[in-house]
PDB file of N, CA and C in Angstrom:
ATOM      1  N   UNK A   1    -158.859   4.317 -81.748  1.00  0.00           N
ATOM      2  CA  UNK A   1    -159.194   4.853 -80.446  1.00  0.00           C
ATOM      3  C   UNK A   1    -160.248   5.942 -80.624  1.00  0.00           C
ATOM      4  N   UNK A   2    -161.189   5.999 -79.696  1.00  0.00           N
ATOM      5  CA  UNK A   2    -162.260   6.985 -79.731  1.00  0.00           C
ATOM      6  C   UNK A   2    -161.678   8.391 -79.567  1.00  0.00           C
ATOM      7  N   UNK A   3    -162.097   9.297 -80.418  1.00  0.00           N
ATOM      8  CA  UNK A   3    -161.582  10.669 -80.407  1.00  0.00           C
ATOM      9  C   UNK A   3    -161.849  11.375 -79.073  1.00  0.00           C
ATOM     10  N   UNK A   4    -163.022  11.166 -78.496  1.00  0.00           N
ATOM     11  CA  UNK A   4    -163.359  11.817 -77.226  1.00  0.00           C
ATOM     12  C   UNK A   4    -162.464  11.332 -76.095  1.00  0.00           C
ATOM     13  N   UNK A   5    -162.162  10.047 -76.084  1.00  0.00           N
ATOM     14  CA  UNK A   5    -161.280   9.479 -75.058  1.00  0.00           C
ATOM     15  C   UNK A   5    -159.871  10.049 -75.221  1.00  0.00           C
ATOM     16  N   UNK A   6    -159.406  10.111 -76.450  1.00  0.00           N
ATOM     17  CA  UNK A   6    -158.083  10.651 -76.740  1.00  0.00           C
ATOM     18  C   UNK A   6    -158.002  12.123 -76.326  1.00  0.00           C
ATOM     19  N   UNK A   7    -159.015  12.891 -76.664  1.00  0.00           N
ATOM     20  CA  UNK A   7    -159.041  14.312 -76.310  1.00  0.00           C
ATOM     21  C   UNK A   7    -159.059  14.515 -74.794  1.00  0.00           C
ATOM     22  N   UNK A   8    -159.785  13.677 -74.083  1.00  0.00           N
ATOM     23  CA  UNK A   8    -159.832  13.781 -72.622  1.00  0.00           C
ATOM     24  C   UNK A   8    -158.460  13.490 -72.016  1.00  0.00           C
ATOM     25  N   UNK A   9    -157.757  12.500 -72.548  1.00  0.00           N
ATOM     26  CA  UNK A   9    -156.418  12.197 -72.035  1.00  0.00           C
ATOM     27  C   UNK A   9    -155.460  13.352 -72.312  1.00  0.00           C
ATOM     28  N   UNK A  10    -155.559  13.944 -73.501  1.00  0.00           N
ATOM     29  CA  UNK A  10    -154.725  15.104 -73.835  1.00  0.00           C
ATOM     30  C   UNK A  10    -155.025  16.248 -72.867  1.00  0.00           C
ATOM     31  N   UNK A  11    -156.291  16.465 -72.587  1.00  0.00           N
ATOM     32  CA  UNK A  11    -156.705  17.521 -71.659  1.00  0.00           C
ATOM     33  C   UNK A  11    -156.084  17.306 -70.273  1.00  0.00           C
ATOM     34  N   UNK A  12    -156.121  16.079 -69.790  1.00  0.00           N
ATOM     35  CA  UNK A  12    -155.560  15.770 -68.472  1.00  0.00           C
ATOM     36  C   UNK A  12    -154.042  15.968 -68.442  1.00  0.00           C
ATOM     37  N   UNK A  13    -153.366  15.528 -69.486  1.00  0.00           N
ATOM     38  CA  UNK A  13    -151.911  15.681 -69.551  1.00  0.00           C
ATOM     39  C   UNK A  13    -151.546  17.169 -69.651  1.00  0.00           C
ATOM     40  N   UNK A  14    -152.302  17.929 -70.437  1.00  0.00           N
ATOM     41  CA  UNK A  14    -152.050  19.371 -70.554  1.00  0.00           C
ATOM     42  C   UNK A  14    -152.202  20.054 -69.200  1.00  0.00           C
ATOM     43  N   UNK A  15    -153.198  19.640 -68.437  1.00  0.00           N
ATOM     44  CA  UNK A  15    -153.396  20.210 -67.104  1.00  0.00           C
ATOM     45  C   UNK A  15    -152.232  19.844 -66.179  1.00  0.00           C
ATOM     46  N   UNK A  16    -151.755  18.617 -66.268  1.00  0.00           N
ATOM     47  CA  UNK A  16    -150.597  18.200 -65.468  1.00  0.00           C
ATOM     48  C   UNK A  16    -149.363  19.032 -65.823  1.00  0.00           C
ATOM     49  N   UNK A  17    -149.174  19.302 -67.112  1.00  0.00           N
ATOM     50  CA  UNK A  17    -148.052  20.135 -67.541  1.00  0.00           C
ATOM     51  C   UNK A  17    -148.188  21.552 -66.984  1.00  0.00           C
ATOM     52  N   UNK A  18    -149.399  22.070 -66.986  1.00  0.00           N
ATOM     53  CA  UNK A  18    -149.679  23.396 -66.438  1.00  0.00           C
ATOM     54  C   UNK A  18    -149.299  23.449 -64.959  1.00  0.00           C
ATOM     55  N   UNK A  19    -149.705  22.444 -64.216  1.00  0.00           N
ATOM     56  CA  UNK A  19    -149.405  22.383 -62.786  1.00  0.00           C
ATOM     57  C   UNK A  19    -147.893  22.253 -62.560  1.00  0.00           C
ATOM     58  N   UNK A  20    -147.249  21.349 -63.292  1.00  0.00           N
ATOM     59  CA  UNK A  20    -145.813  21.108 -63.117  1.00  0.00           C
ATOM     60  C   UNK A  20    -144.968  22.327 -63.484  1.00  0.00           C
ATOM     61  N   UNK A  21    -145.466  23.160 -64.407  1.00  0.00           N
ATOM     62  CA  UNK A  21    -144.699  24.338 -64.829  1.00  0.00           C
ATOM     63  C   UNK A  21    -144.940  25.539 -63.925  1.00  0.00           C
ATOM     64  N   UNK A  22    -145.677  25.358 -62.848  1.00  0.00           N
ATOM     65  CA  UNK A  22    -145.898  26.448 -61.904  1.00  0.00           C
ATOM     66  C   UNK A  22    -147.131  27.285 -62.193  1.00  0.00           C
ATOM     67  N   UNK A  23    -148.083  26.729 -62.935  1.00  0.00           N
ATOM     68  CA  UNK A  23    -149.358  27.410 -63.242  1.00  0.00           C
ATOM     69  C   UNK A  23    -149.138  28.739 -63.954  1.00  0.00           C
ATOM     70  N   UNK A  24    -148.207  28.766 -64.881  1.00  0.00           N
ATOM     71  CA  UNK A  24    -147.899  29.988 -65.621  1.00  0.00           C
ATOM     72  C   UNK A  24    -149.027  30.267 -66.617  1.00  0.00           C
ATOM     73  N   UNK A  25    -149.673  31.432 -66.509  1.00  0.00           N
ATOM     74  CA  UNK A  25    -150.755  31.755 -67.438  1.00  0.00           C
ATOM     75  C   UNK A  25    -150.220  32.035 -68.844  1.00  0.00           C
ATOM     76  N   UNK A  26    -151.067  31.832 -69.843  1.00  0.00           N
ATOM     77  CA  UNK A  26    -150.698  32.133 -71.220  1.00  0.00           C
ATOM     78  C   UNK A  26    -149.950  31.024 -71.938  1.00  0.00           C
ATOM     79  N   UNK A  27    -149.799  29.875 -71.305  1.00  0.00           N
ATOM     80  CA  UNK A  27    -149.085  28.762 -71.942  1.00  0.00           C
ATOM     81  C   UNK A  27    -150.029  27.623 -72.305  1.00  0.00           C
ATOM     82  N   UNK A  28    -151.317  27.932 -72.376  1.00  0.00           N
ATOM     83  CA  UNK A  28    -152.296  26.882 -72.626  1.00  0.00           C
ATOM     84  C   UNK A  28    -152.067  26.179 -73.955  1.00  0.00           C
ATOM     85  N   UNK A  29    -151.765  26.921 -75.005  1.00  0.00           N
ATOM     86  CA  UNK A  29    -151.531  26.292 -76.305  1.00  0.00           C
ATOM     87  C   UNK A  29    -150.258  25.444 -76.269  1.00  0.00           C
ATOM     88  N   UNK A  30    -149.198  25.975 -75.668  1.00  0.00           N
ATOM     89  CA  UNK A  30    -147.950  25.207 -75.549  1.00  0.00           C
ATOM     90  C   UNK A  30    -148.183  23.904 -74.784  1.00  0.00           C
ATOM     91  N   UNK A  31    -148.909  24.010 -73.660  1.00  0.00           N
ATOM     92  CA  UNK A  31    -149.197  22.818 -72.861  1.00  0.00           C
ATOM     93  C   UNK A  31    -150.049  21.826 -73.641  1.00  0.00           C
ATOM     94  N   UNK A  32    -151.044  22.318 -74.373  1.00  0.00           N
ATOM     95  CA  UNK A  32    -151.923  21.444 -75.147  1.00  0.00           C
ATOM     96  C   UNK A  32    -151.131  20.713 -76.231  1.00  0.00           C
ATOM     97  N   UNK A  33    -150.312  21.445 -76.974  1.00  0.00           N
ATOM     98  CA  UNK A  33    -149.555  20.826 -78.066  1.00  0.00           C
ATOM     99  C   UNK A  33    -148.548  19.802 -77.546  1.00  0.00           C
ATOM    100  N   UNK A  34    -147.907  20.111 -76.422  1.00  0.00           N
ATOM    101  CA  UNK A  34    -146.969  19.153 -75.823  1.00  0.00           C
ATOM    102  C   UNK A  34    -147.716  17.913 -75.347  1.00  0.00           C
ATOM    103  N   UNK A  35    -148.867  18.117 -74.710  1.00  0.00           N
ATOM    104  CA  UNK A  35    -149.672  16.986 -74.237  1.00  0.00           C
ATOM    105  C   UNK A  35    -150.153  16.142 -75.413  1.00  0.00           C
ATOM    106  N   UNK A  36    -150.564  16.796 -76.473  1.00  0.00           N
ATOM    107  CA  UNK A  36    -151.027  16.086 -77.666  1.00  0.00           C
ATOM    108  C   UNK A  36    -149.907  15.219 -78.233  1.00  0.00           C
ATOM    109  N   UNK A  37    -148.705  15.794 -78.314  1.00  0.00           N
ATOM    110  CA  UNK A  37    -147.559  15.042 -78.836  1.00  0.00           C
ATOM    111  C   UNK A  37    -147.255  13.844 -77.942  1.00  0.00           C
ATOM    112  N   UNK A  38    -147.306  14.056 -76.629  1.00  0.00           N
ATOM    113  CA  UNK A  38    -147.006  12.978 -75.686  1.00  0.00           C
ATOM    114  C   UNK A  38    -148.028  11.845 -75.784  1.00  0.00           C
ATOM    115  N   UNK A  39    -149.298  12.194 -75.836  1.00  0.00           N
ATOM    116  CA  UNK A  39    -150.358  11.173 -75.882  1.00  0.00           C
ATOM    117  C   UNK A  39    -150.328  10.429 -77.209  1.00  0.00           C
ATOM    118  N   UNK A  40    -150.165  11.156 -78.305  1.00  0.00           N
ATOM    119  CA  UNK A  40    -150.114  10.492 -79.611  1.00  0.00           C
ATOM    120  C   UNK A  40    -148.895   9.575 -79.710  1.00  0.00           C
ATOM    121  N   UNK A  41    -147.777   9.998 -79.138  1.00  0.00           N
ATOM    122  CA  UNK A  41    -146.586   9.144 -79.126  1.00  0.00           C
ATOM    123  C   UNK A  41    -146.827   7.894 -78.286  1.00  0.00           C
ATOM    124  N   UNK A  42    -147.536   8.061 -77.186  1.00  0.00           N
ATOM    125  CA  UNK A  42    -147.844   6.930 -76.303  1.00  0.00           C
ATOM    126  C   UNK A  42    -148.597   5.832 -77.053  1.00  0.00           C
ATOM    127  N   UNK A  43    -149.499   6.227 -77.914  1.00  0.00           N
ATOM    128  CA  UNK A  43    -150.301   5.258 -78.658  1.00  0.00           C
ATOM    129  C   UNK A  43    -149.753   4.972 -80.056  1.00  0.00           C
ATOM    130  N   UNK A  44    -148.553   5.480 -80.344  1.00  0.00           N
ATOM    131  CA  UNK A  44    -147.930   5.212 -81.637  1.00  0.00           C
ATOM    132  C   UNK A  44    -148.648   5.864 -82.792  1.00  0.00           C
ATOM    133  N   UNK A  45    -149.219   7.032 -82.560  1.00  0.00           N
ATOM    134  CA  UNK A  45    -149.985   7.718 -83.592  1.00  0.00           C
ATOM    135  C   UNK A  45    -149.214   8.861 -84.243  1.00  0.00           C
ATOM    136  N   UNK A  46    -147.930   9.000 -83.917  1.00  0.00           N
ATOM    137  CA  UNK A  46    -147.098  10.026 -84.538  1.00  0.00           C
ATOM    138  C   UNK A  46    -146.204   9.381 -85.576  1.00  0.00           C
ATOM    139  N   UNK A  47    -145.944  10.106 -86.663  1.00  0.00           N
ATOM    140  CA  UNK A  47    -145.085   9.551 -87.700  1.00  0.00           C
ATOM    141  C   UNK A  47    -143.623   9.534 -87.257  1.00  0.00           C
ATOM    142  N   UNK A  48    -143.207  10.545 -86.496  1.00  0.00           N
ATOM    143  CA  UNK A  48    -141.835  10.590 -85.994  1.00  0.00           C
ATOM    144  C   UNK A  48    -141.889  10.695 -84.481  1.00  0.00           C
ATOM    145  N   UNK A  49    -141.986   9.555 -83.817  1.00  0.00           N
ATOM    146  CA  UNK A  49    -142.077   9.518 -82.356  1.00  0.00           C
ATOM    147  C   UNK A  49    -140.739   9.832 -81.716  1.00  0.00           C
ATOM    148  N   UNK A  50    -140.808  10.496 -80.584  1.00  0.00           N
ATOM    149  CA  UNK A  50    -139.638  10.641 -79.723  1.00  0.00           C
ATOM    150  C   UNK A  50    -139.840   9.620 -78.623  1.00  0.00           C
ATOM    151  N   UNK A  51    -138.968   8.644 -78.570  1.00  0.00           N
ATOM    152  CA  UNK A  51    -139.184   7.544 -77.636  1.00  0.00           C
ATOM    153  C   UNK A  51    -138.510   7.752 -76.292  1.00  0.00           C
ATOM    154  N   UNK A  52    -137.645   8.735 -76.184  1.00  0.00           N
ATOM    155  CA  UNK A  52    -136.956   8.964 -74.920  1.00  0.00           C
ATOM    156  C   UNK A  52    -137.924   9.492 -73.874  1.00  0.00           C
ATOM    157  N   UNK A  53    -137.989   8.812 -72.739  1.00  0.00           N
ATOM    158  CA  UNK A  53    -138.869   9.247 -71.652  1.00  0.00           C
ATOM    159  C   UNK A  53    -138.481  10.643 -71.181  1.00  0.00           C
ATOM    160  N   UNK A  54    -137.189  10.948 -71.210  1.00  0.00           N
ATOM    161  CA  UNK A  54    -136.729  12.259 -70.777  1.00  0.00           C
ATOM    162  C   UNK A  54    -137.271  13.354 -71.689  1.00  0.00           C
ATOM    163  N   UNK A  55    -137.300  13.113 -72.994  1.00  0.00           N
ATOM    164  CA  UNK A  55    -137.803  14.111 -73.930  1.00  0.00           C
ATOM    165  C   UNK A  55    -139.285  14.373 -73.730  1.00  0.00           C
ATOM    166  N   UNK A  56    -140.051  13.352 -73.395  1.00  0.00           N
ATOM    167  CA  UNK A  56    -141.489  13.531 -73.245  1.00  0.00           C
ATOM    168  C   UNK A  56    -141.883  14.072 -71.892  1.00  0.00           C
ATOM    169  N   UNK A  57    -140.979  14.025 -70.923  1.00  0.00           N
ATOM    170  CA  UNK A  57    -141.354  14.480 -69.588  1.00  0.00           C
ATOM    171  C   UNK A  57    -140.851  15.879 -69.262  1.00  0.00           C
ATOM    172  N   UNK A  58    -140.048  16.467 -70.137  1.00  0.00           N
ATOM    173  CA  UNK A  58    -139.529  17.798 -69.861  1.00  0.00           C
ATOM    174  C   UNK A  58    -140.588  18.846 -70.154  1.00  0.00           C
ATOM    175  N   UNK A  59    -140.657  19.839 -69.284  1.00  0.00           N
ATOM    176  CA  UNK A  59    -141.559  20.964 -69.475  1.00  0.00           C
ATOM    177  C   UNK A  59    -140.689  22.206 -69.545  1.00  0.00           C
ATOM    178  N   UNK A  60    -140.805  22.932 -70.652  1.00  0.00           N
ATOM    179  CA  UNK A  60    -140.013  24.135 -70.822  1.00  0.00           C
ATOM    180  C   UNK A  60    -140.547  25.226 -69.904  1.00  0.00           C
ATOM    181  N   UNK A  61    -139.647  25.855 -69.175  1.00  0.00           N
ATOM    182  CA  UNK A  61    -140.064  26.925 -68.282  1.00  0.00           C
ATOM    183  C   UNK A  61    -139.528  28.246 -68.802  1.00  0.00           C
ATOM    184  N   UNK A  62    -140.374  29.266 -68.781  1.00  0.00           N
ATOM    185  CA  UNK A  62    -139.964  30.597 -69.181  1.00  0.00           C
ATOM    186  C   UNK A  62    -139.424  31.323 -67.956  1.00  0.00           C
ATOM    187  N   UNK A  63    -138.504  32.264 -68.172  1.00  0.00           N
ATOM    188  CA  UNK A  63    -137.983  33.006 -67.030  1.00  0.00           C
ATOM    189  C   UNK A  63    -139.082  33.825 -66.366  1.00  0.00           C
ATOM    190  N   UNK A  64    -138.982  33.942 -65.049  1.00  0.00           N
ATOM    191  CA  UNK A  64    -139.967  34.721 -64.314  1.00  0.00           C
ATOM    192  C   UNK A  64    -139.548  36.183 -64.327  1.00  0.00           C
ATOM    193  N   UNK A  65    -140.515  37.049 -64.383  1.00  0.00           N
ATOM    194  CA  UNK A  65    -140.234  38.480 -64.355  1.00  0.00           C
ATOM    195  C   UNK A  65    -139.903  39.008 -65.733  1.00  0.00           C
ATOM    196  N   UNK A  66    -139.540  40.274 -65.755  1.00  0.00           N
ATOM    197  CA  UNK A  66    -139.236  40.925 -67.029  1.00  0.00           C
ATOM    198  C   UNK A  66    -137.809  40.622 -67.439  1.00  0.00           C
ATOM    199  N   UNK A  67    -137.602  40.526 -68.738  1.00  0.00           N
ATOM    200  CA  UNK A  67    -136.255  40.359 -69.267  1.00  0.00           C
ATOM    201  C   UNK A  67    -135.945  41.577 -70.115  1.00  0.00           C
ATOM    202  N   UNK A  68    -134.695  41.924 -70.200  1.00  0.00           N
ATOM    203  CA  UNK A  68    -134.299  43.104 -70.952  1.00  0.00           C
ATOM    204  C   UNK A  68    -133.594  42.701 -72.232  1.00  0.00           C
ATOM    205  N   UNK A  69    -133.781  43.523 -73.228  1.00  0.00           N
ATOM    206  CA  UNK A  69    -133.086  43.334 -74.482  1.00  0.00           C
ATOM    207  C   UNK A  69    -131.627  43.720 -74.288  1.00  0.00           C
ATOM    208  N   UNK A  70    -130.760  43.094 -75.018  1.00  0.00           N
ATOM    209  CA  UNK A  70    -129.333  43.401 -74.887  1.00  0.00           C
ATOM    210  C   UNK A  70    -128.935  44.631 -75.701  1.00  0.00           C
ATOM    211  N   UNK A  71    -129.831  45.101 -76.564  1.00  0.00           N
ATOM    212  CA  UNK A  71    -129.509  46.283 -77.361  1.00  0.00           C
ATOM    213  C   UNK A  71    -129.608  47.533 -76.500  1.00  0.00           C
ATOM    214  N   UNK A  72    -128.684  48.435 -76.723  1.00  0.00           N
ATOM    215  CA  UNK A  72    -128.695  49.692 -75.977  1.00  0.00           C
ATOM    216  C   UNK A  72    -129.595  50.689 -76.690  1.00  0.00           C
ATOM    217  N   UNK A  73    -130.300  51.428 -75.907  1.00  0.00           N
ATOM    218  CA  UNK A  73    -131.127  52.503 -76.464  1.00  0.00           C
ATOM    219  C   UNK A  73    -130.264  53.732 -76.675  1.00  0.00           C
ATOM    220  N   UNK A  74    -130.545  54.459 -77.732  1.00  0.00           N
ATOM    221  CA  UNK A  74    -129.778  55.679 -78.031  1.00  0.00           C
ATOM    222  C   UNK A  74    -130.585  56.891 -77.692  1.00  0.00           C
TER     223      UNK A  74
END
């Protein structure tokens, strides 16, 4: 498969992941790597494919707002 075509498909999937996750900034690398894994799996280009549709369609979401550490300050 042509590298440019493959890269364009990864780009489109990464953008879809960005949109589906609520347009959270700072997740571009996470979205790109997930899209890359999904596209390569689609074409059988991964050595250890995850074939479950559920595994490839899940987008990890980070909690919104600030989170606090459970350690108490002294």
